[in-house]
Amino acid sequence: MSKIVFFDLETTGIERDPNNVRIVEISALKVDSNTLEEIDRLYYKCNNGDVPISPGATAVHGISEEDVKDLPTFHVIAKDVYKFFEGCDIGGYYSTFYDVPILNMSFLRAGLNWNFRQ
């Protein structure tokens, strides 16, 4: 069975440099690519670690420093997210230009090598 994961990230800012952005929320839906039937869902909110959430980002997604201060960083949940994406094609709005590079860099910081091109 071929699978597709559609996902979206909310981050600390709108900067496109993945080195300067952290994930504060990830949601994903895994579907069978033939039937589009739902297989699984994933959702996490994350602490932003050492990168502050910009006021502009909070204005867009509504997530503040206070909302995530007691949550684990992406580094802590990265293996679960990685396993969720494993063996799947990916999709999402504007994901190639923003979400995929941010997620890839976040996996790399967690010691995981995600070959999203395959």
N, C-alpha and C. Protein backbone atom coordinates (compact mmCIF):
# COMPACT_ATOMS: atom_id res chain seq x y z
N MET A 1 0.85 -1.18 0.00
CA MET A 1 0.00 0.00 0.00
C MET A 1 0.89 1.24 0.00
N SER A 2 0.60 2.12 -0.89
CA SER A 2 1.31 3.40 -0.96
C SER A 2 0.60 4.41 -0.07
N LYS A 3 1.39 5.21 0.66
CA LYS A 3 0.81 6.16 1.62
C LYS A 3 1.32 7.58 1.35
N ILE A 4 0.46 8.53 1.68
CA ILE A 4 0.83 9.95 1.58
C ILE A 4 0.58 10.59 2.94
N VAL A 5 1.53 11.40 3.40
CA VAL A 5 1.34 12.19 4.60
C VAL A 5 1.18 13.65 4.18
N PHE A 6 0.03 14.21 4.50
CA PHE A 6 -0.20 15.64 4.32
C PHE A 6 0.07 16.28 5.66
N PHE A 7 0.88 17.33 5.68
CA PHE A 7 1.25 17.91 6.97
C PHE A 7 1.37 19.42 6.89
N ASP A 8 1.34 20.01 8.08
CA ASP A 8 1.49 21.46 8.21
C ASP A 8 2.27 21.75 9.48
N LEU A 9 3.11 22.77 9.41
CA LEU A 9 3.88 23.21 10.57
C LEU A 9 3.46 24.61 10.96
N GLU A 10 3.53 24.89 12.24
CA GLU A 10 3.52 26.26 12.75
C GLU A 10 4.88 26.44 13.40
N THR A 11 5.48 27.59 13.18
CA THR A 11 6.86 27.78 13.59
C THR A 11 7.06 29.09 14.35
N THR A 12 8.30 29.29 14.76
CA THR A 12 8.65 30.49 15.53
C THR A 12 8.69 31.75 14.69
N GLY A 13 8.69 31.62 13.38
CA GLY A 13 8.75 32.80 12.52
C GLY A 13 8.50 32.44 11.07
N ILE A 14 8.57 33.44 10.23
CA ILE A 14 8.33 33.20 8.82
C ILE A 14 9.62 33.17 8.01
N GLU A 15 10.72 33.31 8.68
CA GLU A 15 12.02 33.27 8.00
C GLU A 15 12.19 31.92 7.31
N ARG A 16 12.71 31.93 6.09
CA ARG A 16 12.84 30.68 5.33
C ARG A 16 14.13 29.93 5.63
N ASP A 17 15.04 30.49 6.42
CA ASP A 17 16.26 29.80 6.77
C ASP A 17 15.96 28.80 7.89
N PRO A 18 15.98 27.50 7.58
CA PRO A 18 15.60 26.50 8.59
C PRO A 18 16.51 26.46 9.81
N ASN A 19 17.68 27.08 9.73
CA ASN A 19 18.57 27.13 10.90
C ASN A 19 18.04 28.07 11.97
N ASN A 20 17.21 29.03 11.58
CA ASN A 20 16.73 30.06 12.51
C ASN A 20 15.27 29.92 12.88
N VAL A 21 14.67 28.78 12.60
CA VAL A 21 13.24 28.56 12.86
C VAL A 21 13.08 27.25 13.63
N ARG A 22 12.14 27.24 14.56
CA ARG A 22 11.81 26.03 15.30
C ARG A 22 10.33 25.72 15.14
N ILE A 23 10.00 24.44 15.19
CA ILE A 23 8.62 23.98 15.09
C ILE A 23 7.94 24.15 16.45
N VAL A 24 6.76 24.78 16.45
CA VAL A 24 5.96 24.87 17.68
C VAL A 24 4.68 24.05 17.57
N GLU A 25 4.35 23.60 16.36
CA GLU A 25 3.18 22.73 16.18
C GLU A 25 3.33 21.98 14.87
N ILE A 26 3.01 20.69 14.91
CA ILE A 26 2.98 19.88 13.69
C ILE A 26 1.70 19.06 13.71
N SER A 27 1.02 19.05 12.59
CA SER A 27 -0.14 18.18 12.43
C SER A 27 0.01 17.47 11.09
N ALA A 28 -0.40 16.20 11.06
CA ALA A 28 -0.23 15.40 9.86
C ALA A 28 -1.35 14.37 9.75
N LEU A 29 -1.68 14.07 8.52
CA LEU A 29 -2.71 13.09 8.21
C LEU A 29 -2.12 12.11 7.21
N LYS A 30 -2.15 10.82 7.53
CA LYS A 30 -1.63 9.78 6.64
C LYS A 30 -2.82 9.10 5.96
N VAL A 31 -2.74 9.02 4.62
CA VAL A 31 -3.82 8.39 3.85
C VAL A 31 -3.26 7.34 2.89
N ASP A 32 -4.12 6.41 2.51
CA ASP A 32 -3.82 5.45 1.46
C ASP A 32 -3.87 6.22 0.15
N SER A 33 -2.81 6.16 -0.65
CA SER A 33 -2.76 6.98 -1.87
C SER A 33 -3.75 6.51 -2.94
N ASN A 34 -4.21 5.28 -2.86
CA ASN A 34 -5.16 4.79 -3.85
C ASN A 34 -6.60 5.16 -3.51
N THR A 35 -6.95 5.07 -2.23
CA THR A 35 -8.34 5.29 -1.83
C THR A 35 -8.55 6.62 -1.12
N LEU A 36 -7.46 7.23 -0.68
CA LEU A 36 -7.48 8.45 0.13
C LEU A 36 -8.16 8.24 1.49
N GLU A 37 -8.28 6.98 1.89
CA GLU A 37 -8.82 6.68 3.22
C GLU A 37 -7.77 7.00 4.27
N GLU A 38 -8.24 7.56 5.38
CA GLU A 38 -7.34 7.91 6.48
C GLU A 38 -6.76 6.65 7.11
N ILE A 39 -5.44 6.70 7.34
CA ILE A 39 -4.74 5.61 8.01
C ILE A 39 -4.41 6.00 9.44
N ASP A 40 -3.92 7.23 9.62
CA ASP A 40 -3.47 7.67 10.94
C ASP A 40 -3.38 9.20 10.97
N ARG A 41 -3.30 9.74 12.20
CA ARG A 41 -3.12 11.18 12.41
C ARG A 41 -2.01 11.40 13.43
N LEU A 42 -1.39 12.58 13.33
CA LEU A 42 -0.34 12.95 14.28
C LEU A 42 -0.52 14.43 14.61
N TYR A 43 -0.33 14.75 15.88
CA TYR A 43 -0.41 16.15 16.29
C TYR A 43 0.47 16.36 17.53
N TYR A 44 1.32 17.37 17.47
CA TYR A 44 2.13 17.76 18.62
C TYR A 44 2.27 19.28 18.66
N LYS A 45 2.26 19.82 19.86
CA LYS A 45 2.75 21.18 20.09
C LYS A 45 4.10 21.02 20.76
N CYS A 46 5.02 21.92 20.47
CA CYS A 46 6.40 21.79 20.95
C CYS A 46 6.90 23.09 21.55
N ASN A 47 7.79 22.94 22.52
CA ASN A 47 8.53 24.07 23.05
C ASN A 47 9.50 24.55 21.97
N ASN A 48 9.66 25.83 21.84
CA ASN A 48 10.50 26.41 20.80
C ASN A 48 11.98 26.44 21.13
N GLY A 49 12.34 26.01 22.33
CA GLY A 49 13.75 25.95 22.69
C GLY A 49 14.39 27.32 22.72
N ASP A 50 15.50 27.47 22.00
CA ASP A 50 16.30 28.69 22.07
C ASP A 50 15.93 29.75 21.04
N VAL A 51 14.87 29.53 20.27
CA VAL A 51 14.46 30.50 19.26
C VAL A 51 13.11 31.09 19.67
N PRO A 52 13.06 32.39 19.94
CA PRO A 52 11.80 33.01 20.38
C PRO A 52 10.75 33.00 19.27
N ILE A 53 9.50 32.91 19.67
CA ILE A 53 8.39 33.01 18.73
C ILE A 53 8.20 34.49 18.40
N SER A 54 8.27 34.81 17.12
CA SER A 54 8.13 36.21 16.72
C SER A 54 6.69 36.68 16.90
N PRO A 55 6.49 37.97 17.18
CA PRO A 55 5.13 38.50 17.29
C PRO A 55 4.32 38.27 16.01
N GLY A 56 4.98 38.35 14.86
CA GLY A 56 4.29 38.11 13.60
C GLY A 56 3.79 36.68 13.47
N ALA A 57 4.60 35.73 13.93
CA ALA A 57 4.18 34.32 13.90
C ALA A 57 3.01 34.09 14.84
N THR A 58 3.08 34.65 16.05
CA THR A 58 1.97 34.51 17.00
C THR A 58 0.69 35.11 16.41
N ALA A 59 0.80 36.22 15.70
CA ALA A 59 -0.37 36.84 15.07
C ALA A 59 -1.00 35.92 14.04
N VAL A 60 -0.19 35.10 13.37
CA VAL A 60 -0.70 34.18 12.35
C VAL A 60 -1.30 32.92 12.98
N HIS A 61 -0.54 32.26 13.88
CA HIS A 61 -1.01 30.97 14.37
C HIS A 61 -1.57 31.01 15.80
N GLY A 62 -1.39 32.09 16.50
CA GLY A 62 -1.98 32.22 17.84
C GLY A 62 -1.25 31.49 18.94
N ILE A 63 -0.05 30.98 18.67
CA ILE A 63 0.71 30.25 19.66
C ILE A 63 1.74 31.19 20.28
N SER A 64 1.71 31.29 21.61
CA SER A 64 2.64 32.19 22.31
C SER A 64 3.69 31.38 23.07
N GLU A 65 4.69 32.08 23.56
CA GLU A 65 5.71 31.45 24.40
C GLU A 65 5.07 30.76 25.61
N GLU A 66 4.09 31.40 26.19
CA GLU A 66 3.38 30.85 27.36
C GLU A 66 2.70 29.52 27.03
N ASP A 67 2.16 29.41 25.82
CA ASP A 67 1.44 28.19 25.40
C ASP A 67 2.35 26.96 25.33
N VAL A 68 3.62 27.16 25.05
CA VAL A 68 4.51 26.02 24.80
C VAL A 68 5.63 25.86 25.84
N LYS A 69 5.67 26.72 26.82
CA LYS A 69 6.82 26.75 27.75
C LYS A 69 7.05 25.44 28.49
N ASP A 70 5.99 24.68 28.79
CA ASP A 70 6.14 23.44 29.55
C ASP A 70 6.11 22.18 28.68
N LEU A 71 6.13 22.36 27.38
CA LEU A 71 6.05 21.23 26.46
C LEU A 71 7.45 20.77 26.05
N PRO A 72 7.56 19.52 25.57
CA PRO A 72 8.87 19.05 25.08
C PRO A 72 9.24 19.77 23.79
N THR A 73 10.53 19.86 23.53
CA THR A 73 10.99 20.42 22.26
C THR A 73 10.76 19.37 21.16
N PHE A 74 10.88 19.82 19.91
CA PHE A 74 10.73 18.89 18.79
C PHE A 74 11.75 17.76 18.91
N HIS A 75 12.92 18.06 19.39
CA HIS A 75 13.98 17.05 19.54
C HIS A 75 13.47 15.82 20.30
N VAL A 76 12.63 16.04 21.31
CA VAL A 76 12.12 14.95 22.15
C VAL A 76 11.12 14.07 21.39
N ILE A 77 10.33 14.65 20.52
CA ILE A 77 9.29 13.89 19.82
C ILE A 77 9.70 13.52 18.40
N ALA A 78 10.90 13.91 17.98
CA ALA A 78 11.34 13.73 16.59
C ALA A 78 11.26 12.29 16.10
N LYS A 79 11.64 11.32 16.93
CA LYS A 79 11.61 9.92 16.49
C LYS A 79 10.19 9.46 16.17
N ASP A 80 9.22 9.88 16.97
CA ASP A 80 7.82 9.52 16.70
C ASP A 80 7.36 10.12 15.38
N VAL A 81 7.71 11.37 15.14
CA VAL A 81 7.32 12.04 13.90
C VAL A 81 8.02 11.37 12.71
N TYR A 82 9.29 11.09 12.87
CA TYR A 82 10.07 10.43 11.82
C TYR A 82 9.44 9.09 11.43
N LYS A 83 9.08 8.29 12.41
CA LYS A 83 8.44 6.99 12.15
C LYS A 83 7.11 7.17 11.43
N PHE A 84 6.36 8.20 11.79
CA PHE A 84 5.08 8.48 11.15
C PHE A 84 5.27 8.75 9.66
N PHE A 85 6.33 9.47 9.30
CA PHE A 85 6.59 9.84 7.91
C PHE A 85 7.29 8.75 7.10
N GLU A 86 7.88 7.79 7.79
CA GLU A 86 8.71 6.77 7.15
C GLU A 86 7.94 6.00 6.06
N GLY A 87 8.54 5.94 4.87
CA GLY A 87 7.97 5.18 3.77
C GLY A 87 6.80 5.84 3.06
N CYS A 88 6.56 7.10 3.34
CA CYS A 88 5.40 7.80 2.77
C CYS A 88 5.83 8.90 1.81
N ASP A 89 5.00 9.15 0.82
CA ASP A 89 5.14 10.37 0.03
C ASP A 89 4.61 11.49 0.91
N ILE A 90 4.94 12.73 0.57
CA ILE A 90 4.50 13.85 1.39
C ILE A 90 3.76 14.88 0.55
N GLY A 91 2.88 15.62 1.21
CA GLY A 91 2.14 16.67 0.54
C GLY A 91 1.73 17.72 1.55
N GLY A 92 1.47 18.90 1.04
CA GLY A 92 1.01 19.99 1.89
C GLY A 92 1.10 21.30 1.14
N TYR A 93 0.33 22.26 1.57
CA TYR A 93 0.33 23.56 0.93
C TYR A 93 1.65 24.28 1.19
N TYR A 94 2.32 24.69 0.14
CA TYR A 94 3.59 25.42 0.20
C TYR A 94 4.68 24.62 0.91
N SER A 95 4.48 23.31 1.05
CA SER A 95 5.39 22.50 1.85
C SER A 95 6.79 22.39 1.27
N THR A 96 6.92 22.36 -0.04
CA THR A 96 8.24 22.21 -0.67
C THR A 96 9.15 23.38 -0.33
N PHE A 97 8.58 24.57 -0.22
CA PHE A 97 9.39 25.77 -0.03
C PHE A 97 9.60 26.14 1.44
N TYR A 98 8.73 25.67 2.31
CA TYR A 98 8.85 26.07 3.72
C TYR A 98 8.85 24.87 4.66
N ASP A 99 7.76 24.13 4.70
CA ASP A 99 7.62 23.08 5.71
C ASP A 99 8.64 21.96 5.58
N VAL A 100 8.89 21.49 4.37
CA VAL A 100 9.84 20.38 4.20
C VAL A 100 11.25 20.77 4.64
N PRO A 101 11.80 21.92 4.21
CA PRO A 101 13.14 22.28 4.70
C PRO A 101 13.19 22.46 6.23
N ILE A 102 12.14 23.03 6.81
CA ILE A 102 12.12 23.22 8.26
C ILE A 102 12.08 21.87 8.96
N LEU A 103 11.21 20.97 8.50
CA LEU A 103 11.11 19.64 9.11
C LEU A 103 12.41 18.87 8.93
N ASN A 104 13.00 18.93 7.73
CA ASN A 104 14.26 18.24 7.49
C ASN A 104 15.35 18.72 8.44
N MET A 105 15.50 20.03 8.59
CA MET A 105 16.52 20.57 9.49
C MET A 105 16.22 20.18 10.94
N SER A 106 14.96 20.15 11.30
CA SER A 106 14.59 19.74 12.66
C SER A 106 14.95 18.29 12.91
N PHE A 107 14.73 17.43 11.92
CA PHE A 107 15.16 16.02 12.04
C PHE A 107 16.68 15.94 12.16
N LEU A 108 17.40 16.68 11.33
CA LEU A 108 18.87 16.65 11.38
C LEU A 108 19.39 17.08 12.75
N ARG A 109 18.79 18.14 13.33
CA ARG A 109 19.20 18.58 14.68
C ARG A 109 18.95 17.49 15.72
N ALA A 110 17.97 16.62 15.44
CA ALA A 110 17.65 15.52 16.36
C ALA A 110 18.44 14.26 16.03
N GLY A 111 19.35 14.34 15.05
CA GLY A 111 20.19 13.20 14.71
C GLY A 111 19.53 12.21 13.76
N LEU A 112 18.48 12.63 13.06
CA LEU A 112 17.76 11.75 12.13
C LEU A 112 17.95 12.24 10.71
N ASN A 113 18.30 11.32 9.81
CA ASN A 113 18.52 11.67 8.42
C ASN A 113 17.29 11.28 7.61
N TRP A 114 16.47 12.27 7.29
CA TRP A 114 15.21 12.06 6.56
C TRP A 114 15.47 12.28 5.08
N ASN A 115 15.37 11.22 4.29
CA ASN A 115 15.56 11.36 2.85
C ASN A 115 14.21 11.62 2.20
N PHE A 116 13.74 12.86 2.31
CA PHE A 116 12.42 13.23 1.82
C PHE A 116 12.31 13.18 0.29
N ARG A 117 13.42 13.19 -0.40
CA ARG A 117 13.38 13.13 -1.86
C ARG A 117 12.98 11.75 -2.37
N GLN A 118 13.12 10.74 -1.55
CA GLN A 118 12.72 9.39 -1.95
C GLN A 118 11.30 9.14 -1.52
